[in-house]
N, C-alpha and C. Protein backbone atom coordinates (compact mmCIF):
# COMPACT_ATOMS: atom_id res chain seq x y z
N UNK A 1 -49.41 200.08 -22.09
CA UNK A 1 -50.55 200.20 -23.28
C UNK A 1 -51.74 201.09 -22.65
N UNK A 2 -51.92 202.19 -23.16
CA UNK A 2 -53.27 202.85 -22.88
C UNK A 2 -54.44 202.19 -23.24
N UNK A 3 -55.40 201.95 -22.27
CA UNK A 3 -56.63 201.39 -22.59
C UNK A 3 -57.80 202.66 -21.98
N UNK A 4 -58.50 202.66 -23.27
CA UNK A 4 -59.80 203.43 -23.11
C UNK A 4 -61.08 203.02 -23.22
N UNK A 5 -61.84 203.57 -22.76
CA UNK A 5 -63.18 203.15 -23.22
C UNK A 5 -64.06 204.19 -23.88
N UNK A 6 -64.71 203.54 -24.95
CA UNK A 6 -65.49 204.57 -26.12
C UNK A 6 -66.89 203.85 -26.17
N UNK A 7 -67.71 204.70 -26.46
CA UNK A 7 -69.25 204.20 -27.13
C UNK A 7 -69.10 204.44 -28.59
N UNK A 8 -70.21 204.06 -29.05
CA UNK A 8 -70.57 204.13 -30.59
C UNK A 8 -70.26 205.74 -31.06
N UNK A 9 -69.63 205.98 -32.01
CA UNK A 9 -69.71 207.26 -32.61
C UNK A 9 -68.80 208.21 -31.76
N UNK A 10 -68.28 207.75 -30.89
CA UNK A 10 -67.10 208.44 -29.93
C UNK A 10 -65.48 207.87 -30.66
N UNK A 11 -64.82 208.84 -30.42
CA UNK A 11 -63.31 208.71 -31.18
C UNK A 11 -62.51 209.11 -30.32
N UNK A 12 -61.00 208.81 -30.63
CA UNK A 12 -60.07 209.36 -30.05
C UNK A 12 -59.02 209.91 -31.19
N UNK A 13 -58.09 210.63 -30.91
CA UNK A 13 -57.08 211.65 -31.66
C UNK A 13 -55.45 210.96 -31.31
N UNK A 14 -54.96 210.76 -32.32
CA UNK A 14 -53.77 210.19 -32.22
C UNK A 14 -52.61 211.30 -32.99
N UNK A 15 -51.90 211.86 -32.22
CA UNK A 15 -50.66 212.66 -32.75
C UNK A 15 -51.21 213.79 -33.45
N UNK A 16 -52.33 214.30 -33.37
CA UNK A 16 -53.33 215.38 -33.84
C UNK A 16 -53.42 215.19 -35.26
N UNK A 17 -53.26 214.16 -35.89
CA UNK A 17 -53.85 213.80 -37.41
C UNK A 17 -54.21 212.78 -37.45
N UNK A 18 -54.46 211.67 -36.70
CA UNK A 18 -55.16 210.40 -36.94
C UNK A 18 -56.39 210.31 -35.59
N UNK A 19 -57.46 210.17 -36.53
CA UNK A 19 -58.90 209.97 -35.63
C UNK A 19 -59.28 208.59 -35.99
N UNK A 20 -59.45 207.86 -34.70
CA UNK A 20 -60.09 206.49 -34.76
C UNK A 20 -61.59 206.57 -34.03
N UNK A 21 -62.45 206.31 -34.86
CA UNK A 21 -63.95 206.38 -34.46
C UNK A 21 -64.50 204.68 -34.17
N UNK A 22 -65.20 204.48 -33.39
CA UNK A 22 -66.35 203.39 -33.23
C UNK A 22 -67.30 203.59 -33.99
N UNK A 23 -67.36 202.85 -34.89
CA UNK A 23 -68.42 202.73 -35.77
C UNK A 23 -69.97 202.02 -35.36
N UNK A 24 -69.07 200.72 -34.76
CA UNK A 24 -70.37 199.71 -34.67
C UNK A 24 -69.84 198.72 -33.57
N UNK A 25 -70.58 198.18 -32.58
CA UNK A 25 -70.29 197.19 -31.55
C UNK A 25 -71.38 196.14 -31.91
N UNK A 26 -71.18 195.15 -32.32
CA UNK A 26 -72.04 194.08 -32.46
C UNK A 26 -71.15 192.73 -31.85
N UNK A 27 -71.99 192.45 -30.66
CA UNK A 27 -71.36 191.28 -29.93
C UNK A 27 -69.82 191.48 -29.31
N UNK A 28 -68.94 190.55 -29.76
CA UNK A 28 -67.82 190.67 -29.52
C UNK A 28 -66.91 191.53 -30.74
N UNK A 29 -67.20 191.72 -31.63
CA UNK A 29 -66.76 192.55 -32.66
C UNK A 29 -67.01 194.21 -32.65
N UNK A 30 -65.82 194.80 -32.84
CA UNK A 30 -65.87 196.06 -32.91
C UNK A 30 -65.36 196.99 -34.33
N UNK A 31 -66.15 197.69 -34.96
CA UNK A 31 -65.87 198.15 -36.30
C UNK A 31 -65.48 199.70 -36.00
N UNK A 32 -64.21 199.76 -36.61
CA UNK A 32 -63.30 200.97 -36.08
C UNK A 32 -63.24 201.73 -37.57
N UNK A 33 -63.72 203.12 -37.51
CA UNK A 33 -63.12 204.04 -38.48
C UNK A 33 -62.02 205.06 -38.42
N UNK A 34 -60.68 204.89 -39.64
CA UNK A 34 -59.80 205.43 -39.35
C UNK A 34 -59.54 206.59 -40.15
N UNK A 35 -59.24 208.02 -40.14
CA UNK A 35 -59.02 208.84 -40.80
C UNK A 35 -57.60 209.30 -40.34
N UNK A 36 -56.64 209.16 -41.50
CA UNK A 36 -55.16 209.12 -41.33
C UNK A 36 -54.85 209.99 -42.66
N UNK A 37 -53.56 210.58 -42.81
CA UNK A 37 -53.00 211.14 -43.83
C UNK A 37 -52.70 209.90 -44.72
N UNK A 38 -53.08 210.25 -46.06
CA UNK A 38 -52.47 209.00 -46.94
C UNK A 38 -50.71 208.66 -46.79
N UNK A 39 -50.11 209.46 -46.33
CA UNK A 39 -48.67 209.11 -45.80
C UNK A 39 -48.40 208.15 -44.89
N UNK A 40 -49.62 208.26 -44.06
CA UNK A 40 -49.81 207.27 -42.87
C UNK A 40 -50.22 205.67 -43.41
N UNK A 41 -49.22 204.79 -43.39
CA UNK A 41 -49.63 203.44 -43.58
C UNK A 41 -50.54 202.73 -42.25
N UNK A 42 -51.83 202.26 -42.66
CA UNK A 42 -52.69 201.62 -41.72
C UNK A 42 -52.86 200.19 -42.15
N UNK A 43 -52.18 199.27 -41.54
CA UNK A 43 -52.70 197.78 -41.44
C UNK A 43 -53.38 196.86 -40.33
N UNK A 44 -53.98 195.92 -40.54
CA UNK A 44 -54.44 194.87 -39.71
C UNK A 44 -53.18 194.47 -39.18
N UNK A 45 -53.09 194.00 -37.81
CA UNK A 45 -51.70 193.62 -37.50
C UNK A 45 -51.33 192.29 -37.94
N UNK A 46 -52.30 191.29 -38.11
CA UNK A 46 -51.85 190.17 -39.08
C UNK A 46 -51.23 190.35 -40.31
N UNK A 47 -51.73 191.68 -40.89
CA UNK A 47 -51.16 191.59 -42.28
C UNK A 47 -49.96 192.36 -42.32
N UNK A 48 -49.86 193.36 -41.30
CA UNK A 48 -48.40 193.99 -40.96
C UNK A 48 -47.49 192.94 -40.47
N UNK A 49 -47.70 191.85 -39.93
CA UNK A 49 -46.94 190.73 -39.19
C UNK A 49 -46.37 190.19 -40.67
N UNK A 50 -47.21 189.91 -41.66
CA UNK A 50 -46.69 189.09 -42.79
C UNK A 50 -45.85 189.86 -43.86
N UNK A 51 -46.29 191.13 -43.41
CA UNK A 51 -45.31 192.23 -44.48
C UNK A 51 -43.75 192.10 -43.85
N UNK A 52 -43.76 192.12 -42.60
CA UNK A 52 -42.38 192.32 -41.84
C UNK A 52 -41.70 191.04 -41.93
N UNK A 53 -42.34 190.06 -42.04
CA UNK A 53 -41.80 188.44 -42.16
C UNK A 53 -41.44 188.37 -43.57
N UNK A 54 -41.92 188.94 -44.60
CA UNK A 54 -41.60 188.62 -46.00
C UNK A 54 -40.33 189.68 -46.23
N UNK A 55 -40.44 190.98 -45.74
CA UNK A 55 -39.29 192.19 -45.81
C UNK A 55 -38.16 191.27 -45.40
N UNK A 56 -37.92 190.71 -44.11
CA UNK A 56 -37.18 189.85 -43.36
C UNK A 56 -36.45 188.68 -44.18
N UNK A 57 -37.18 187.94 -44.82
CA UNK A 57 -36.67 186.81 -45.62
C UNK A 57 -36.27 187.48 -47.12
N UNK A 58 -36.56 188.45 -47.45
CA UNK A 58 -36.24 189.00 -48.73
C UNK A 58 -34.61 189.63 -48.11
N UNK A 59 -34.74 189.94 -47.21
CA UNK A 59 -33.25 190.73 -46.92
C UNK A 59 -32.32 189.49 -46.40
N UNK A 60 -32.73 188.50 -46.05
CA UNK A 60 -31.71 187.44 -45.79
C UNK A 60 -31.49 186.67 -47.13
N UNK A 61 -32.52 186.60 -48.11
CA UNK A 61 -32.05 186.13 -49.69
C UNK A 61 -30.96 187.25 -50.29
N UNK A 62 -31.24 188.38 -50.07
CA UNK A 62 -29.99 189.50 -50.61
C UNK A 62 -28.96 189.02 -49.94
N UNK A 63 -28.57 189.03 -48.45
CA UNK A 63 -27.45 188.70 -48.06
C UNK A 63 -26.95 187.54 -48.58
N UNK A 64 -27.68 186.43 -48.70
CA UNK A 64 -27.11 185.33 -49.10
C UNK A 64 -26.59 185.30 -50.64
N UNK A 65 -27.30 186.15 -51.41
CA UNK A 65 -26.81 186.46 -52.85
C UNK A 65 -25.62 187.13 -52.79
N UNK A 66 -25.47 188.27 -51.95
CA UNK A 66 -24.37 189.04 -51.76
C UNK A 66 -23.05 188.32 -51.69
N UNK A 67 -23.32 187.32 -50.55
CA UNK A 67 -21.97 186.43 -50.21
C UNK A 67 -21.76 185.58 -50.88
N UNK A 68 -22.49 184.77 -51.73
CA UNK A 68 -22.51 184.02 -52.99
C UNK A 68 -21.40 184.75 -54.26
N UNK A 69 -21.79 185.98 -54.23
CA UNK A 69 -21.23 186.64 -55.43
C UNK A 69 -19.71 187.11 -54.90
N UNK A 70 -19.49 187.38 -53.55
CA UNK A 70 -18.13 187.86 -53.00
C UNK A 70 -17.62 186.41 -52.86
N UNK A 71 -18.03 185.34 -52.88
CA UNK A 71 -17.23 184.10 -52.91
C UNK A 71 -16.91 183.92 -54.29
N UNK A 72 -17.67 184.30 -55.29
CA UNK A 72 -17.16 183.86 -56.79
C UNK A 72 -16.09 184.78 -57.17
N UNK A 73 -15.86 185.93 -56.58
CA UNK A 73 -14.88 187.02 -56.95
C UNK A 73 -13.44 186.34 -56.37
N UNK A 74 -13.30 185.35 -55.38
CA UNK A 74 -12.30 184.88 -54.79
C UNK A 74 -11.52 184.10 -55.90
């Protein structure tokens, strides 16, 4: 993991097209601004994790449904 120090209004650039700026620092909370192309999804980690879990569950349900259909053909 790369660890960088930034102050308010300072930014980092990722992959030439994503800019992350420190907007505010208040106590232990940091507010970030993110400029990225619309084609680049940006999620909070906890939301991303929920999406991944939901996709995994849906995939498992699909596998079970397909297996049930295969057994009906026998």
